[in-house]
Amino acid sequence: YFRPKKESNKLVVIDFTVTWCAPFYAQLVKKCTPFVIFPKVDIEEVKSALQDWAIEAMPAFVFLKEGGADDED
C-alpha cells in the first residue's frame, strides 16, 4: 500500500477507507489533483495499515506535508 516519499513537495491526503464506505470527496480530488496526491488505502485489503497509521475509525484521513504526518481527521 501507499508509502510516502519524503522528497514530495505536494500535499498528500491518504484516505483510509473500506469498500462499503462511499467516497464523498470526488469534487475535491478533481479540483486539487494537480497540487495534491490522493492515495486510497482499503483497510480490509491492508489490515496492517490500521496499526501502521493508528487508524481508529472510518473514514480516516492523514495529511502529509513534505513526507511527514501533518494532521489527522
PDB file of N, CA and C in Angstrom:
ATOM      1  N   TYR A   1       0.835  -1.193   0.000  1.00  0.00           N
ATOM      2  CA  TYR A   1       0.000   0.000   0.000  1.00  0.00           C
ATOM      3  C   TYR A   1       0.867   1.238   0.000  1.00  0.00           C
ATOM      4  N   PHE A   2       0.249   2.401   0.075  1.00  0.00           N
ATOM      5  CA  PHE A   2       0.962   3.669  -0.094  1.00  0.00           C
ATOM      6  C   PHE A   2       2.004   3.899   0.988  1.00  0.00           C
ATOM      7  N   ARG A   3       3.190   4.255   0.549  1.00  0.00           N
ATOM      8  CA  ARG A   3       4.265   4.684   1.449  1.00  0.00           C
ATOM      9  C   ARG A   3       4.706   6.071   0.982  1.00  0.00           C
ATOM     10  N   PRO A   4       4.711   7.063   1.879  1.00  0.00           N
ATOM     11  CA  PRO A   4       5.050   8.419   1.460  1.00  0.00           C
ATOM     12  C   PRO A   4       6.509   8.550   1.045  1.00  0.00           C
ATOM     13  N   LYS A   5       6.754   9.466   0.110  1.00  0.00           N
ATOM     14  CA  LYS A   5       8.107   9.783  -0.330  1.00  0.00           C
ATOM     15  C   LYS A   5       8.490  11.119   0.274  1.00  0.00           C
ATOM     16  N   LYS A   6       9.565  11.157   0.991  1.00  0.00           N
ATOM     17  CA  LYS A   6       9.974  12.373   1.683  1.00  0.00           C
ATOM     18  C   LYS A   6      10.299  13.525   0.739  1.00  0.00           C
ATOM     19  N   GLU A   7      10.684  13.222  -0.492  1.00  0.00           N
ATOM     20  CA  GLU A   7      11.063  14.293  -1.406  1.00  0.00           C
ATOM     21  C   GLU A   7       9.871  14.968  -2.086  1.00  0.00           C
ATOM     22  N   SER A   8       8.669  14.512  -1.841  1.00  0.00           N
ATOM     23  CA  SER A   8       7.492  15.095  -2.475  1.00  0.00           C
ATOM     24  C   SER A   8       7.204  16.476  -1.899  1.00  0.00           C
ATOM     25  N   ASN A   9       6.983  17.453  -2.781  1.00  0.00           N
ATOM     26  CA  ASN A   9       6.613  18.802  -2.351  1.00  0.00           C
ATOM     27  C   ASN A   9       5.108  18.983  -2.311  1.00  0.00           C
ATOM     28  N   LYS A  10       4.368  17.996  -2.823  1.00  0.00           N
ATOM     29  CA  LYS A  10       2.914  18.081  -2.837  1.00  0.00           C
ATOM     30  C   LYS A  10       2.340  17.627  -1.497  1.00  0.00           C
ATOM     31  N   LEU A  11       1.191  18.182  -1.172  1.00  0.00           N
ATOM     32  CA  LEU A  11       0.435  17.702  -0.023  1.00  0.00           C
ATOM     33  C   LEU A  11      -0.112  16.330  -0.373  1.00  0.00           C
ATOM     34  N   VAL A  12      -0.048  15.399   0.558  1.00  0.00           N
ATOM     35  CA  VAL A  12      -0.591  14.062   0.349  1.00  0.00           C
ATOM     36  C   VAL A  12      -1.730  13.866   1.348  1.00  0.00           C
ATOM     37  N   VAL A  13      -2.898  13.468   0.852  1.00  0.00           N
ATOM     38  CA  VAL A  13      -4.048  13.185   1.710  1.00  0.00           C
ATOM     39  C   VAL A  13      -4.379  11.708   1.523  1.00  0.00           C
ATOM     40  N   ILE A  14      -4.025  10.887   2.517  1.00  0.00           N
ATOM     41  CA  ILE A  14      -4.280   9.452   2.435  1.00  0.00           C
ATOM     42  C   ILE A  14      -5.680   9.181   2.962  1.00  0.00           C
ATOM     43  N   ASP A  15      -6.481   8.527   2.155  1.00  0.00           N
ATOM     44  CA  ASP A  15      -7.855   8.172   2.516  1.00  0.00           C
ATOM     45  C   ASP A  15      -7.869   6.707   2.931  1.00  0.00           C
ATOM     46  N   PHE A  16      -8.019   6.457   4.227  1.00  0.00           N
ATOM     47  CA  PHE A  16      -8.161   5.096   4.731  1.00  0.00           C
ATOM     48  C   PHE A  16      -9.649   4.790   4.757  1.00  0.00           C
ATOM     49  N   THR A  17     -10.050   3.769   4.050  1.00  0.00           N
ATOM     50  CA  THR A  17     -11.469   3.502   3.851  1.00  0.00           C
ATOM     51  C   THR A  17     -11.728   2.001   3.817  1.00  0.00           C
ATOM     52  N   VAL A  18     -12.973   1.647   3.640  1.00  0.00           N
ATOM     53  CA  VAL A  18     -13.393   0.265   3.421  1.00  0.00           C
ATOM     54  C   VAL A  18     -14.317   0.263   2.210  1.00  0.00           C
ATOM     55  N   THR A  19     -14.493  -0.882   1.586  1.00  0.00           N
ATOM     56  CA  THR A  19     -15.258  -0.948   0.343  1.00  0.00           C
ATOM     57  C   THR A  19     -16.696  -0.460   0.500  1.00  0.00           C
ATOM     58  N   TRP A  20     -17.294  -0.640   1.665  1.00  0.00           N
ATOM     59  CA  TRP A  20     -18.685  -0.251   1.856  1.00  0.00           C
ATOM     60  C   TRP A  20     -18.851   1.237   2.195  1.00  0.00           C
ATOM     61  N   CYS A  21     -17.742   1.961   2.336  1.00  0.00           N
ATOM     62  CA  CYS A  21     -17.800   3.384   2.674  1.00  0.00           C
ATOM     63  C   CYS A  21     -17.748   4.204   1.385  1.00  0.00           C
ATOM     64  N   ALA A  22     -18.817   4.924   1.099  1.00  0.00           N
ATOM     65  CA  ALA A  22     -18.906   5.688  -0.156  1.00  0.00           C
ATOM     66  C   ALA A  22     -17.953   6.874  -0.151  1.00  0.00           C
ATOM     67  N   PRO A  23     -17.264   7.102  -1.280  1.00  0.00           N
ATOM     68  CA  PRO A  23     -16.392   8.279  -1.355  1.00  0.00           C
ATOM     69  C   PRO A  23     -17.236   9.556  -1.391  1.00  0.00           C
ATOM     70  N   PHE A  24     -16.812  10.561  -0.679  1.00  0.00           N
ATOM     71  CA  PHE A  24     -17.597  11.785  -0.625  1.00  0.00           C
ATOM     72  C   PHE A  24     -16.798  13.015  -1.028  1.00  0.00           C
ATOM     73  N   TYR A  25     -15.586  12.841  -1.453  1.00  0.00           N
ATOM     74  CA  TYR A  25     -14.759  13.981  -1.765  1.00  0.00           C
ATOM     75  C   TYR A  25     -14.318  14.007  -3.231  1.00  0.00           C
ATOM     76  N   ALA A  26     -15.095  13.432  -4.111  1.00  0.00           N
ATOM     77  CA  ALA A  26     -14.742  13.326  -5.531  1.00  0.00           C
ATOM     78  C   ALA A  26     -14.468  14.686  -6.165  1.00  0.00           C
ATOM     79  N   GLN A  27     -15.270  15.686  -5.858  1.00  0.00           N
ATOM     80  CA  GLN A  27     -15.049  17.024  -6.427  1.00  0.00           C
ATOM     81  C   GLN A  27     -13.742  17.634  -5.940  1.00  0.00           C
ATOM     82  N   LEU A  28     -13.419  17.412  -4.684  1.00  0.00           N
ATOM     83  CA  LEU A  28     -12.157  17.909  -4.132  1.00  0.00           C
ATOM     84  C   LEU A  28     -10.968  17.288  -4.860  1.00  0.00           C
ATOM     85  N   VAL A  29     -11.034  15.993  -5.069  1.00  0.00           N
ATOM     86  CA  VAL A  29      -9.962  15.290  -5.779  1.00  0.00           C
ATOM     87  C   VAL A  29      -9.826  15.852  -7.186  1.00  0.00           C
ATOM     88  N   LYS A  30     -10.951  16.052  -7.848  1.00  0.00           N
ATOM     89  CA  LYS A  30     -10.944  16.553  -9.226  1.00  0.00           C
ATOM     90  C   LYS A  30     -10.276  17.932  -9.322  1.00  0.00           C
ATOM     91  N   LYS A  31     -10.586  18.806  -8.382  1.00  0.00           N
ATOM     92  CA  LYS A  31     -10.069  20.170  -8.424  1.00  0.00           C
ATOM     93  C   LYS A  31      -8.620  20.281  -7.951  1.00  0.00           C
ATOM     94  N   CYS A  32      -8.219  19.429  -7.029  1.00  0.00           N
ATOM     95  CA  CYS A  32      -6.910  19.571  -6.387  1.00  0.00           C
ATOM     96  C   CYS A  32      -5.835  18.619  -6.895  1.00  0.00           C
ATOM     97  N   THR A  33      -6.167  17.719  -7.792  1.00  0.00           N
ATOM     98  CA  THR A  33      -5.219  16.709  -8.243  1.00  0.00           C
ATOM     99  C   THR A  33      -3.876  17.276  -8.724  1.00  0.00           C
ATOM    100  N   PRO A  34      -3.840  18.407  -9.415  1.00  0.00           N
ATOM    101  CA  PRO A  34      -2.519  18.905  -9.820  1.00  0.00           C
ATOM    102  C   PRO A  34      -1.611  19.279  -8.643  1.00  0.00           C
ATOM    103  N   PHE A  35      -2.210  19.562  -7.492  1.00  0.00           N
ATOM    104  CA  PHE A  35      -1.449  20.057  -6.350  1.00  0.00           C
ATOM    105  C   PHE A  35      -1.370  19.083  -5.185  1.00  0.00           C
ATOM    106  N   VAL A  36      -2.267  18.106  -5.173  1.00  0.00           N
ATOM    107  CA  VAL A  36      -2.379  17.190  -4.038  1.00  0.00           C
ATOM    108  C   VAL A  36      -2.424  15.760  -4.558  1.00  0.00           C
ATOM    109  N   ILE A  37      -1.784  14.853  -3.829  1.00  0.00           N
ATOM    110  CA  ILE A  37      -1.829  13.428  -4.155  1.00  0.00           C
ATOM    111  C   ILE A  37      -2.861  12.787  -3.231  1.00  0.00           C
ATOM    112  N   PHE A  38      -3.775  11.989  -3.787  1.00  0.00           N
ATOM    113  CA  PHE A  38      -4.857  11.368  -3.020  1.00  0.00           C
ATOM    114  C   PHE A  38      -4.799   9.841  -3.093  1.00  0.00           C
ATOM    115  N   PRO A  39      -3.864   9.194  -2.405  1.00  0.00           N
ATOM    116  CA  PRO A  39      -3.884   7.728  -2.405  1.00  0.00           C
ATOM    117  C   PRO A  39      -5.022   7.213  -1.531  1.00  0.00           C
ATOM    118  N   LYS A  40      -5.542   6.060  -1.885  1.00  0.00           N
ATOM    119  CA  LYS A  40      -6.637   5.439  -1.143  1.00  0.00           C
ATOM    120  C   LYS A  40      -6.143   4.090  -0.632  1.00  0.00           C
ATOM    121  N   VAL A  41      -6.394   3.792   0.638  1.00  0.00           N
ATOM    122  CA  VAL A  41      -5.986   2.531   1.235  1.00  0.00           C
ATOM    123  C   VAL A  41      -7.232   1.846   1.785  1.00  0.00           C
ATOM    124  N   ASP A  42      -7.570   0.685   1.246  1.00  0.00           N
ATOM    125  CA  ASP A  42      -8.699  -0.103   1.731  1.00  0.00           C
ATOM    126  C   ASP A  42      -8.193  -0.967   2.878  1.00  0.00           C
ATOM    127  N   ILE A  43      -8.637  -0.659   4.083  1.00  0.00           N
ATOM    128  CA  ILE A  43      -8.107  -1.366   5.255  1.00  0.00           C
ATOM    129  C   ILE A  43      -8.570  -2.820   5.330  1.00  0.00           C
ATOM    130  N   GLU A  44      -9.584  -3.187   4.560  1.00  0.00           N
ATOM    131  CA  GLU A  44      -9.963  -4.603   4.504  1.00  0.00           C
ATOM    132  C   GLU A  44      -8.940  -5.392   3.700  1.00  0.00           C
ATOM    133  N   GLU A  45      -8.255  -4.729   2.771  1.00  0.00           N
ATOM    134  CA  GLU A  45      -7.219  -5.371   1.973  1.00  0.00           C
ATOM    135  C   GLU A  45      -5.850  -5.264   2.623  1.00  0.00           C
ATOM    136  N   VAL A  46      -5.621  -4.184   3.365  1.00  0.00           N
ATOM    137  CA  VAL A  46      -4.326  -3.939   4.004  1.00  0.00           C
ATOM    138  C   VAL A  46      -4.564  -3.692   5.495  1.00  0.00           C
ATOM    139  N   LYS A  47      -4.789  -4.750   6.229  1.00  0.00           N
ATOM    140  CA  LYS A  47      -5.120  -4.625   7.657  1.00  0.00           C
ATOM    141  C   LYS A  47      -3.988  -4.016   8.479  1.00  0.00           C
ATOM    142  N   SER A  48      -2.760  -4.183   8.041  1.00  0.00           N
ATOM    143  CA  SER A  48      -1.628  -3.622   8.779  1.00  0.00           C
ATOM    144  C   SER A  48      -1.650  -2.098   8.794  1.00  0.00           C
ATOM    145  N   ALA A  49      -2.364  -1.486   7.852  1.00  0.00           N
ATOM    146  CA  ALA A  49      -2.438  -0.021   7.792  1.00  0.00           C
ATOM    147  C   ALA A  49      -3.082   0.553   9.050  1.00  0.00           C
ATOM    148  N   LEU A  50      -4.022  -0.166   9.645  1.00  0.00           N
ATOM    149  CA  LEU A  50      -4.674   0.308  10.871  1.00  0.00           C
ATOM    150  C   LEU A  50      -3.643   0.576  11.958  1.00  0.00           C
ATOM    151  N   GLN A  51      -2.760  -0.369  12.164  1.00  0.00           N
ATOM    152  CA  GLN A  51      -1.738  -0.225  13.199  1.00  0.00           C
ATOM    153  C   GLN A  51      -0.626   0.720  12.746  1.00  0.00           C
ATOM    154  N   ASP A  52      -0.217   0.598  11.499  1.00  0.00           N
ATOM    155  CA  ASP A  52       0.871   1.437  10.983  1.00  0.00           C
ATOM    156  C   ASP A  52       0.569   2.926  11.128  1.00  0.00           C
ATOM    157  N   TRP A  53      -0.693   3.297  10.906  1.00  0.00           N
ATOM    158  CA  TRP A  53      -1.078   4.702  10.929  1.00  0.00           C
ATOM    159  C   TRP A  53      -1.982   5.055  12.116  1.00  0.00           C
ATOM    160  N   ALA A  54      -2.170   4.131  13.061  1.00  0.00           N
ATOM    161  CA  ALA A  54      -3.008   4.358  14.257  1.00  0.00           C
ATOM    162  C   ALA A  54      -4.424   4.799  13.886  1.00  0.00           C
ATOM    163  N   ILE A  55      -5.029   4.106  12.924  1.00  0.00           N
ATOM    164  CA  ILE A  55      -6.385   4.414  12.475  1.00  0.00           C
ATOM    165  C   ILE A  55      -7.372   3.747  13.419  1.00  0.00           C
ATOM    166  N   GLU A  56      -8.350   4.519  13.889  1.00  0.00           N
ATOM    167  CA  GLU A  56      -9.328   4.007  14.846  1.00  0.00           C
ATOM    168  C   GLU A  56     -10.759   4.034  14.334  1.00  0.00           C
ATOM    169  N   ALA A  57     -11.042   4.782  13.274  1.00  0.00           N
ATOM    170  CA  ALA A  57     -12.411   4.898  12.759  1.00  0.00           C
ATOM    171  C   ALA A  57     -12.352   5.133  11.253  1.00  0.00           C
ATOM    172  N   MET A  58     -13.456   4.847  10.581  1.00  0.00           N
ATOM    173  CA  MET A  58     -13.566   5.038   9.140  1.00  0.00           C
ATOM    174  C   MET A  58     -14.612   6.097   8.842  1.00  0.00           C
ATOM    175  N   PRO A  59     -14.451   6.907   7.831  1.00  0.00           N
ATOM    176  CA  PRO A  59     -13.219   7.072   7.079  1.00  0.00           C
ATOM    177  C   PRO A  59     -12.203   7.839   7.908  1.00  0.00           C
ATOM    178  N   ALA A  60     -10.938   7.707   7.570  1.00  0.00           N
ATOM    179  CA  ALA A  60      -9.864   8.433   8.246  1.00  0.00           C
ATOM    180  C   ALA A  60      -8.958   9.032   7.177  1.00  0.00           C
ATOM    181  N   PHE A  61      -8.460  10.211   7.452  1.00  0.00           N
ATOM    182  CA  PHE A  61      -7.580  10.894   6.515  1.00  0.00           C
ATOM    183  C   PHE A  61      -6.304  11.284   7.239  1.00  0.00           C
ATOM    184  N   VAL A  62      -5.190  11.076   6.595  1.00  0.00           N
ATOM    185  CA  VAL A  62      -3.903  11.518   7.120  1.00  0.00           C
ATOM    186  C   VAL A  62      -3.338  12.495   6.102  1.00  0.00           C
ATOM    187  N   PHE A  63      -2.936  13.647   6.581  1.00  0.00           N
ATOM    188  CA  PHE A  63      -2.365  14.683   5.722  1.00  0.00           C
ATOM    189  C   PHE A  63      -0.860  14.684   5.918  1.00  0.00           C
ATOM    190  N   LEU A  64      -0.134  14.562   4.815  1.00  0.00           N
ATOM    191  CA  LEU A  64       1.317  14.552   4.866  1.00  0.00           C
ATOM    192  C   LEU A  64       1.849  15.756   4.104  1.00  0.00           C
ATOM    193  N   LYS A  65       2.754  16.446   4.719  1.00  0.00           N
ATOM    194  CA  LYS A  65       3.386  17.583   4.064  1.00  0.00           C
ATOM    195  C   LYS A  65       4.880  17.335   4.047  1.00  0.00           C
ATOM    196  N   GLU A  66       5.461  17.327   2.848  1.00  0.00           N
ATOM    197  CA  GLU A  66       6.879  17.055   2.662  1.00  0.00           C
ATOM    198  C   GLU A  66       7.275  15.722   3.273  1.00  0.00           C
ATOM    199  N   GLY A  67       6.414  14.716   3.102  1.00  0.00           N
ATOM    200  CA  GLY A  67       6.731  13.355   3.513  1.00  0.00           C
ATOM    201  C   GLY A  67       6.449  13.006   4.954  1.00  0.00           C
ATOM    202  N   GLY A  68       5.997  13.949   5.776  1.00  0.00           N
ATOM    203  CA  GLY A  68       5.725  13.663   7.176  1.00  0.00           C
ATOM    204  C   GLY A  68       4.279  13.922   7.538  1.00  0.00           C
ATOM    205  N   ALA A  69       3.779  13.268   8.594  1.00  0.00           N
ATOM    206  CA  ALA A  69       2.389  13.452   9.018  1.00  0.00           C
ATOM    207  C   ALA A  69       2.189  14.881   9.489  1.00  0.00           C
ATOM    208  N   ASP A  70       1.127  15.516   8.997  1.00  0.00           N
ATOM    209  CA  ASP A  70       0.842  16.904   9.331  1.00  0.00           C
ATOM    210  C   ASP A  70      -0.338  17.012  10.286  1.00  0.00           C
ATOM    211  N   ASP A  71      -1.424  16.279   9.968  1.00  0.00           N
ATOM    212  CA  ASP A  71      -2.653  16.350  10.763  1.00  0.00           C
ATOM    213  C   ASP A  71      -3.489  15.129  10.431  1.00  0.00           C
ATOM    214  N   GLU A  72      -4.427  14.802  11.288  1.00  0.00           N
ATOM    215  CA  GLU A  72      -5.272  13.627  11.041  1.00  0.00           C
ATOM    216  C   GLU A  72      -6.696  13.919  11.460  1.00  0.00           C
ATOM    217  N   ASP A  73      -7.665  13.460  10.662  1.00  0.00           N
ATOM    218  CA  ASP A  73      -9.099  13.567  10.987  1.00  0.00           C
ATOM    219  C   ASP A  73      -9.693  12.200  11.043  1.00  0.00           C
TER     220      ASP A  73
END
